[in-house]
Amino acid sequence: MQGRLRGAPLREAAILDNEVKILRSEECVQSRQHRGVFIRVIHECDAFEVLRTEMEPGSAFDNVELGDCRAYHFVLDGSPVFRADQQSTDLMPGDSIVFSDPMAYTISNCAPSRSIVLSILFKTSAMEDA
């Protein structure tokens, strides 16, 4: 597989064999911006979605905006605050948080700089079929 990529322009290497597909950033499935929160769906399939969320200072959103499903959030930059069940947790780059069951939570950015979170949302219907 290494020999196939040598000498080929990176933009032409979109599909390797029939098993691997490279999705370019300009090919994101969808994106939406609301109240200082920019959410980009990087990948979507029947079982899960991968999101990249950029949060301006003072912005916030909740799990309902993400689809109210099981979620894994990984902080890439900044220091967002996750609030659930009357508890709050400040996270730093490299930290992650997992919500195994659908539950109400809010993610806010109280810091003076932008926060970026990478999330994997596990779709409930796909998990029930397994």
N, C-alpha and C. Protein backbone atom coordinates (compact mmCIF):
# COMPACT_ATOMS: atom_id res chain seq x y z
N MET A 1 0.81 -1.17 0.00
CA MET A 1 0.00 0.00 0.00
C MET A 1 0.87 1.25 0.00
N GLN A 2 2.09 1.21 0.56
CA GLN A 2 2.95 2.38 0.59
C GLN A 2 3.36 2.79 -0.82
N GLY A 3 3.62 1.83 -1.68
CA GLY A 3 4.06 2.13 -3.03
C GLY A 3 3.01 2.86 -3.84
N ARG A 4 1.76 2.68 -3.56
CA ARG A 4 0.69 3.32 -4.32
C ARG A 4 0.61 4.82 -4.06
N LEU A 5 1.03 5.26 -2.88
CA LEU A 5 0.93 6.67 -2.56
C LEU A 5 2.13 7.48 -3.02
N ARG A 6 3.29 6.84 -3.22
CA ARG A 6 4.48 7.56 -3.62
C ARG A 6 4.31 8.22 -4.96
N GLY A 7 4.66 9.48 -5.01
CA GLY A 7 4.62 10.19 -6.27
C GLY A 7 3.24 10.66 -6.68
N ALA A 8 2.19 10.18 -6.04
CA ALA A 8 0.83 10.59 -6.37
C ALA A 8 0.48 11.85 -5.59
N PRO A 9 -0.13 12.83 -6.23
CA PRO A 9 -0.55 14.02 -5.48
C PRO A 9 -1.53 13.62 -4.38
N LEU A 10 -1.43 14.30 -3.25
CA LEU A 10 -2.25 13.96 -2.09
C LEU A 10 -3.74 14.08 -2.40
N ARG A 11 -4.16 15.05 -3.19
CA ARG A 11 -5.58 15.22 -3.50
C ARG A 11 -6.14 14.08 -4.35
N GLU A 12 -5.28 13.36 -5.08
CA GLU A 12 -5.77 12.27 -5.91
C GLU A 12 -5.87 10.95 -5.15
N ALA A 13 -5.38 10.91 -3.92
CA ALA A 13 -5.38 9.69 -3.14
C ALA A 13 -6.61 9.61 -2.25
N ALA A 14 -7.78 9.87 -2.81
CA ALA A 14 -9.01 9.90 -2.03
C ALA A 14 -9.47 8.51 -1.62
N ILE A 15 -9.27 7.51 -2.47
CA ILE A 15 -9.68 6.16 -2.13
C ILE A 15 -8.49 5.23 -2.31
N LEU A 16 -8.13 4.52 -1.26
CA LEU A 16 -7.04 3.57 -1.28
C LEU A 16 -7.66 2.18 -1.25
N ASP A 17 -7.37 1.37 -2.27
CA ASP A 17 -8.03 0.08 -2.44
C ASP A 17 -9.54 0.34 -2.42
N ASN A 18 -10.31 -0.55 -1.84
CA ASN A 18 -11.74 -0.33 -1.69
C ASN A 18 -12.13 -0.23 -0.22
N GLU A 19 -11.10 -0.19 0.66
CA GLU A 19 -11.37 -0.26 2.09
C GLU A 19 -11.21 1.06 2.82
N VAL A 20 -10.38 1.96 2.31
CA VAL A 20 -10.08 3.19 3.01
C VAL A 20 -10.50 4.39 2.17
N LYS A 21 -11.23 5.31 2.77
CA LYS A 21 -11.61 6.54 2.09
C LYS A 21 -11.15 7.72 2.93
N ILE A 22 -10.45 8.64 2.30
CA ILE A 22 -10.00 9.84 2.98
C ILE A 22 -11.04 10.92 2.75
N LEU A 23 -11.53 11.50 3.84
CA LEU A 23 -12.52 12.57 3.74
C LEU A 23 -11.80 13.88 3.99
N ARG A 24 -11.78 14.76 3.01
CA ARG A 24 -11.09 16.05 3.10
C ARG A 24 -11.92 17.02 3.92
N SER A 25 -11.25 17.98 4.56
CA SER A 25 -11.96 18.91 5.44
C SER A 25 -13.03 19.70 4.70
N GLU A 26 -12.82 20.00 3.42
CA GLU A 26 -13.85 20.74 2.68
C GLU A 26 -15.03 19.86 2.30
N GLU A 27 -14.95 18.56 2.57
CA GLU A 27 -16.03 17.62 2.27
C GLU A 27 -16.84 17.26 3.50
N CYS A 28 -16.79 18.08 4.55
CA CYS A 28 -17.52 17.75 5.78
C CYS A 28 -19.01 17.58 5.45
N VAL A 29 -19.65 16.75 6.21
CA VAL A 29 -21.04 16.41 5.97
C VAL A 29 -21.94 17.63 6.14
N GLN A 30 -21.77 18.35 7.23
CA GLN A 30 -22.58 19.53 7.50
C GLN A 30 -21.93 20.35 8.59
N SER A 31 -22.33 21.58 8.70
CA SER A 31 -21.85 22.42 9.79
C SER A 31 -22.95 23.40 10.16
N ARG A 32 -22.88 23.88 11.39
CA ARG A 32 -23.87 24.86 11.84
C ARG A 32 -23.21 25.76 12.88
N GLN A 33 -23.63 27.00 12.90
CA GLN A 33 -23.10 27.96 13.85
C GLN A 33 -24.27 28.62 14.57
N HIS A 34 -24.13 28.71 15.89
CA HIS A 34 -25.21 29.28 16.70
C HIS A 34 -24.61 29.86 17.97
N ARG A 35 -24.84 31.10 18.24
CA ARG A 35 -24.43 31.78 19.47
C ARG A 35 -22.96 31.55 19.83
N GLY A 36 -22.06 31.68 18.87
CA GLY A 36 -20.63 31.54 19.14
C GLY A 36 -20.13 30.12 19.17
N VAL A 37 -20.96 29.16 18.79
CA VAL A 37 -20.56 27.75 18.74
C VAL A 37 -20.64 27.30 17.28
N PHE A 38 -19.51 26.83 16.75
CA PHE A 38 -19.46 26.33 15.38
C PHE A 38 -19.23 24.82 15.44
N ILE A 39 -20.23 24.05 15.00
CA ILE A 39 -20.15 22.58 15.03
C ILE A 39 -20.02 22.08 13.61
N ARG A 40 -18.97 21.32 13.35
CA ARG A 40 -18.75 20.72 12.03
C ARG A 40 -18.84 19.20 12.17
N VAL A 41 -19.73 18.58 11.41
CA VAL A 41 -19.82 17.11 11.38
C VAL A 41 -18.74 16.64 10.42
N ILE A 42 -17.70 16.01 10.96
CA ILE A 42 -16.59 15.54 10.15
C ILE A 42 -16.94 14.24 9.44
N HIS A 43 -17.62 13.36 10.16
CA HIS A 43 -17.99 12.06 9.58
C HIS A 43 -19.31 11.62 10.19
N GLU A 44 -20.13 10.98 9.38
CA GLU A 44 -21.40 10.46 9.86
C GLU A 44 -21.66 9.11 9.20
N CYS A 45 -22.07 8.14 10.01
CA CYS A 45 -22.49 6.84 9.48
C CYS A 45 -23.64 6.34 10.34
N ASP A 46 -24.09 5.13 10.12
CA ASP A 46 -25.23 4.60 10.87
C ASP A 46 -24.98 4.49 12.37
N ALA A 47 -23.73 4.22 12.76
CA ALA A 47 -23.44 3.94 14.16
C ALA A 47 -22.98 5.16 14.97
N PHE A 48 -22.31 6.12 14.32
CA PHE A 48 -21.76 7.25 15.07
C PHE A 48 -21.54 8.47 14.18
N GLU A 49 -21.28 9.60 14.85
CA GLU A 49 -20.90 10.85 14.20
C GLU A 49 -19.63 11.36 14.88
N VAL A 50 -18.76 11.99 14.09
CA VAL A 50 -17.58 12.64 14.64
C VAL A 50 -17.76 14.14 14.40
N LEU A 51 -17.66 14.93 15.48
CA LEU A 51 -17.87 16.37 15.42
C LEU A 51 -16.62 17.11 15.88
N ARG A 52 -16.40 18.27 15.28
CA ARG A 52 -15.39 19.20 15.76
C ARG A 52 -16.13 20.47 16.12
N THR A 53 -16.06 20.87 17.39
CA THR A 53 -16.81 22.02 17.88
C THR A 53 -15.84 23.10 18.35
N GLU A 54 -16.00 24.29 17.77
CA GLU A 54 -15.23 25.46 18.19
C GLU A 54 -16.16 26.37 18.97
N MET A 55 -15.71 26.78 20.15
CA MET A 55 -16.53 27.60 21.04
C MET A 55 -15.82 28.92 21.32
N GLU A 56 -16.50 30.01 21.01
CA GLU A 56 -15.97 31.33 21.31
C GLU A 56 -16.11 31.58 22.82
N PRO A 57 -15.32 32.51 23.39
CA PRO A 57 -15.46 32.83 24.81
C PRO A 57 -16.90 33.23 25.15
N GLY A 58 -17.41 32.71 26.25
CA GLY A 58 -18.76 33.02 26.71
C GLY A 58 -19.86 32.22 26.05
N SER A 59 -19.53 31.30 25.16
CA SER A 59 -20.56 30.51 24.47
C SER A 59 -20.85 29.22 25.22
N ALA A 60 -21.99 28.60 24.89
CA ALA A 60 -22.39 27.34 25.52
C ALA A 60 -23.39 26.62 24.63
N PHE A 61 -23.49 25.31 24.81
CA PHE A 61 -24.52 24.52 24.15
C PHE A 61 -24.79 23.30 25.01
N ASP A 62 -25.88 22.57 24.70
CA ASP A 62 -26.22 21.41 25.52
C ASP A 62 -26.33 20.16 24.66
N ASN A 63 -26.51 19.04 25.34
CA ASN A 63 -26.54 17.74 24.65
C ASN A 63 -27.71 17.62 23.68
N VAL A 64 -28.79 18.33 23.91
CA VAL A 64 -29.94 18.26 23.01
C VAL A 64 -29.55 18.76 21.62
N GLU A 65 -28.67 19.77 21.55
CA GLU A 65 -28.19 20.27 20.27
C GLU A 65 -27.33 19.25 19.53
N LEU A 66 -26.80 18.27 20.26
CA LEU A 66 -25.97 17.23 19.65
C LEU A 66 -26.77 15.97 19.30
N GLY A 67 -27.98 15.88 19.73
CA GLY A 67 -28.80 14.72 19.42
C GLY A 67 -29.13 13.85 20.60
N ASP A 68 -28.74 14.26 21.82
CA ASP A 68 -29.12 13.55 23.04
C ASP A 68 -28.80 12.05 22.97
N CYS A 69 -27.52 11.72 22.75
CA CYS A 69 -27.11 10.31 22.68
C CYS A 69 -25.82 10.12 23.47
N ARG A 70 -25.37 8.87 23.56
CA ARG A 70 -24.10 8.58 24.23
C ARG A 70 -22.99 9.34 23.54
N ALA A 71 -22.03 9.86 24.31
CA ALA A 71 -21.01 10.72 23.71
C ALA A 71 -19.66 10.60 24.39
N TYR A 72 -18.62 10.79 23.59
CA TYR A 72 -17.24 10.86 24.06
C TYR A 72 -16.70 12.21 23.58
N HIS A 73 -16.24 13.06 24.50
CA HIS A 73 -15.73 14.38 24.15
C HIS A 73 -14.25 14.46 24.53
N PHE A 74 -13.42 14.93 23.61
CA PHE A 74 -11.98 15.07 23.82
C PHE A 74 -11.62 16.53 23.57
N VAL A 75 -10.99 17.17 24.55
CA VAL A 75 -10.63 18.59 24.44
C VAL A 75 -9.32 18.73 23.67
N LEU A 76 -9.39 19.44 22.54
CA LEU A 76 -8.20 19.70 21.73
C LEU A 76 -7.51 21.00 22.16
N ASP A 77 -8.30 22.01 22.53
CA ASP A 77 -7.73 23.31 22.88
C ASP A 77 -8.69 24.04 23.82
N GLY A 78 -8.14 24.87 24.69
CA GLY A 78 -8.97 25.65 25.59
C GLY A 78 -9.29 24.93 26.89
N SER A 79 -10.28 25.45 27.59
CA SER A 79 -10.66 24.85 28.87
C SER A 79 -12.18 24.94 29.06
N PRO A 80 -12.93 24.11 28.32
CA PRO A 80 -14.39 24.12 28.47
C PRO A 80 -14.83 23.51 29.81
N VAL A 81 -16.05 23.88 30.20
CA VAL A 81 -16.63 23.37 31.43
C VAL A 81 -17.82 22.50 31.05
N PHE A 82 -17.86 21.28 31.59
CA PHE A 82 -18.96 20.34 31.38
C PHE A 82 -19.78 20.31 32.66
N ARG A 83 -21.09 20.55 32.51
CA ARG A 83 -21.99 20.54 33.67
C ARG A 83 -23.05 19.47 33.47
N ALA A 84 -23.21 18.62 34.49
CA ALA A 84 -24.24 17.57 34.47
C ALA A 84 -24.61 17.23 35.91
N ASP A 85 -25.89 17.02 36.15
CA ASP A 85 -26.37 16.62 37.48
C ASP A 85 -25.82 17.48 38.61
N GLN A 86 -25.92 18.79 38.49
CA GLN A 86 -25.50 19.74 39.51
C GLN A 86 -24.00 19.71 39.79
N GLN A 87 -23.21 19.08 38.92
CA GLN A 87 -21.76 19.04 39.07
C GLN A 87 -21.13 19.68 37.84
N SER A 88 -19.98 20.32 38.04
CA SER A 88 -19.26 20.87 36.90
C SER A 88 -17.83 20.39 36.92
N THR A 89 -17.27 20.22 35.74
CA THR A 89 -15.91 19.74 35.58
C THR A 89 -15.20 20.60 34.56
N ASP A 90 -14.07 21.21 34.96
CA ASP A 90 -13.25 21.98 34.04
C ASP A 90 -12.26 21.02 33.39
N LEU A 91 -12.21 21.06 32.07
CA LEU A 91 -11.28 20.19 31.35
C LEU A 91 -10.21 21.02 30.64
N MET A 92 -9.08 20.40 30.41
CA MET A 92 -7.94 21.03 29.75
C MET A 92 -7.61 20.23 28.49
N PRO A 93 -6.77 20.77 27.59
CA PRO A 93 -6.39 20.02 26.39
C PRO A 93 -5.83 18.64 26.74
N GLY A 94 -6.32 17.63 26.05
CA GLY A 94 -5.92 16.25 26.31
C GLY A 94 -6.87 15.51 27.22
N ASP A 95 -7.71 16.23 27.95
CA ASP A 95 -8.71 15.60 28.82
C ASP A 95 -9.90 15.14 27.99
N SER A 96 -10.59 14.13 28.49
CA SER A 96 -11.80 13.66 27.82
C SER A 96 -12.86 13.34 28.86
N ILE A 97 -14.09 13.29 28.39
CA ILE A 97 -15.20 12.95 29.27
C ILE A 97 -16.16 12.07 28.46
N VAL A 98 -16.72 11.06 29.12
CA VAL A 98 -17.61 10.11 28.46
C VAL A 98 -18.97 10.14 29.15
N PHE A 99 -20.02 10.26 28.35
CA PHE A 99 -21.38 10.14 28.86
C PHE A 99 -21.93 8.83 28.31
N SER A 100 -21.93 7.79 29.16
CA SER A 100 -22.33 6.45 28.73
C SER A 100 -23.83 6.33 28.49
N ASP A 101 -24.61 7.08 29.21
CA ASP A 101 -26.06 7.07 29.05
C ASP A 101 -26.51 8.46 28.63
N PRO A 102 -27.54 8.53 27.82
CA PRO A 102 -28.06 9.86 27.48
C PRO A 102 -28.48 10.57 28.77
N MET A 103 -27.96 11.75 28.99
CA MET A 103 -28.29 12.54 30.16
C MET A 103 -28.12 14.01 29.81
N ALA A 104 -28.78 14.87 30.54
CA ALA A 104 -28.69 16.30 30.30
C ALA A 104 -27.33 16.83 30.75
N TYR A 105 -26.66 17.55 29.86
CA TYR A 105 -25.41 18.21 30.22
C TYR A 105 -25.23 19.44 29.33
N THR A 106 -24.39 20.34 29.82
CA THR A 106 -24.07 21.57 29.10
C THR A 106 -22.56 21.69 29.00
N ILE A 107 -22.09 22.18 27.86
CA ILE A 107 -20.68 22.47 27.65
C ILE A 107 -20.59 23.99 27.46
N SER A 108 -19.77 24.64 28.27
CA SER A 108 -19.63 26.09 28.15
C SER A 108 -18.16 26.47 28.11
N ASN A 109 -17.89 27.63 27.55
CA ASN A 109 -16.53 28.14 27.46
C ASN A 109 -16.48 29.47 28.21
N CYS A 110 -16.05 29.42 29.45
CA CYS A 110 -15.94 30.63 30.27
C CYS A 110 -14.56 31.27 30.16
N ALA A 111 -13.66 30.61 29.45
CA ALA A 111 -12.29 31.11 29.30
C ALA A 111 -12.25 32.29 28.33
N PRO A 112 -11.19 33.10 28.39
CA PRO A 112 -11.07 34.25 27.48
C PRO A 112 -10.61 33.88 26.08
N SER A 113 -10.35 32.61 25.83
CA SER A 113 -9.92 32.17 24.51
C SER A 113 -10.84 31.06 23.99
N ARG A 114 -10.70 30.72 22.72
CA ARG A 114 -11.53 29.71 22.08
C ARG A 114 -11.23 28.32 22.62
N SER A 115 -12.26 27.49 22.72
CA SER A 115 -12.11 26.08 23.08
C SER A 115 -12.50 25.24 21.87
N ILE A 116 -11.80 24.12 21.69
CA ILE A 116 -12.11 23.20 20.59
C ILE A 116 -12.26 21.80 21.17
N VAL A 117 -13.39 21.16 20.84
CA VAL A 117 -13.70 19.83 21.36
C VAL A 117 -13.97 18.89 20.19
N LEU A 118 -13.37 17.72 20.22
CA LEU A 118 -13.65 16.66 19.25
C LEU A 118 -14.59 15.68 19.94
N SER A 119 -15.71 15.36 19.29
CA SER A 119 -16.71 14.50 19.92
C SER A 119 -17.07 13.33 19.02
N ILE A 120 -17.35 12.21 19.65
CA ILE A 120 -17.91 11.05 18.95
C ILE A 120 -19.26 10.79 19.60
N LEU A 121 -20.31 10.85 18.78
CA LEU A 121 -21.67 10.61 19.26
C LEU A 121 -22.12 9.25 18.78
N PHE A 122 -22.52 8.39 19.69
CA PHE A 122 -22.96 7.04 19.35
C PHE A 122 -24.47 7.05 19.20
N LYS A 123 -24.93 6.78 18.02
CA LYS A 123 -26.37 6.84 17.75
C LYS A 123 -27.09 5.71 18.45
N THR A 124 -28.15 6.03 19.16
CA THR A 124 -28.89 5.07 19.98
C THR A 124 -29.47 3.94 19.14
N SER A 125 -30.07 4.25 18.02
CA SER A 125 -30.72 3.21 17.22
C SER A 125 -29.70 2.19 16.72
N ALA A 126 -28.50 2.63 16.37
CA ALA A 126 -27.48 1.69 15.91
C ALA A 126 -26.99 0.81 17.06
N MET A 127 -26.92 1.38 18.28
CA MET A 127 -26.48 0.61 19.42
C MET A 127 -27.51 -0.43 19.83
N GLU A 128 -28.79 -0.13 19.66
CA GLU A 128 -29.85 -1.07 20.01
C GLU A 128 -29.88 -2.25 19.04
N ASP A 129 -29.51 -2.02 17.76
CA ASP A 129 -29.52 -3.07 16.77
C ASP A 129 -28.40 -4.09 16.97
N ALA A 130 -27.32 -3.65 17.65
CA ALA A 130 -26.15 -4.53 17.83
C ALA A 130 -26.42 -5.64 18.82
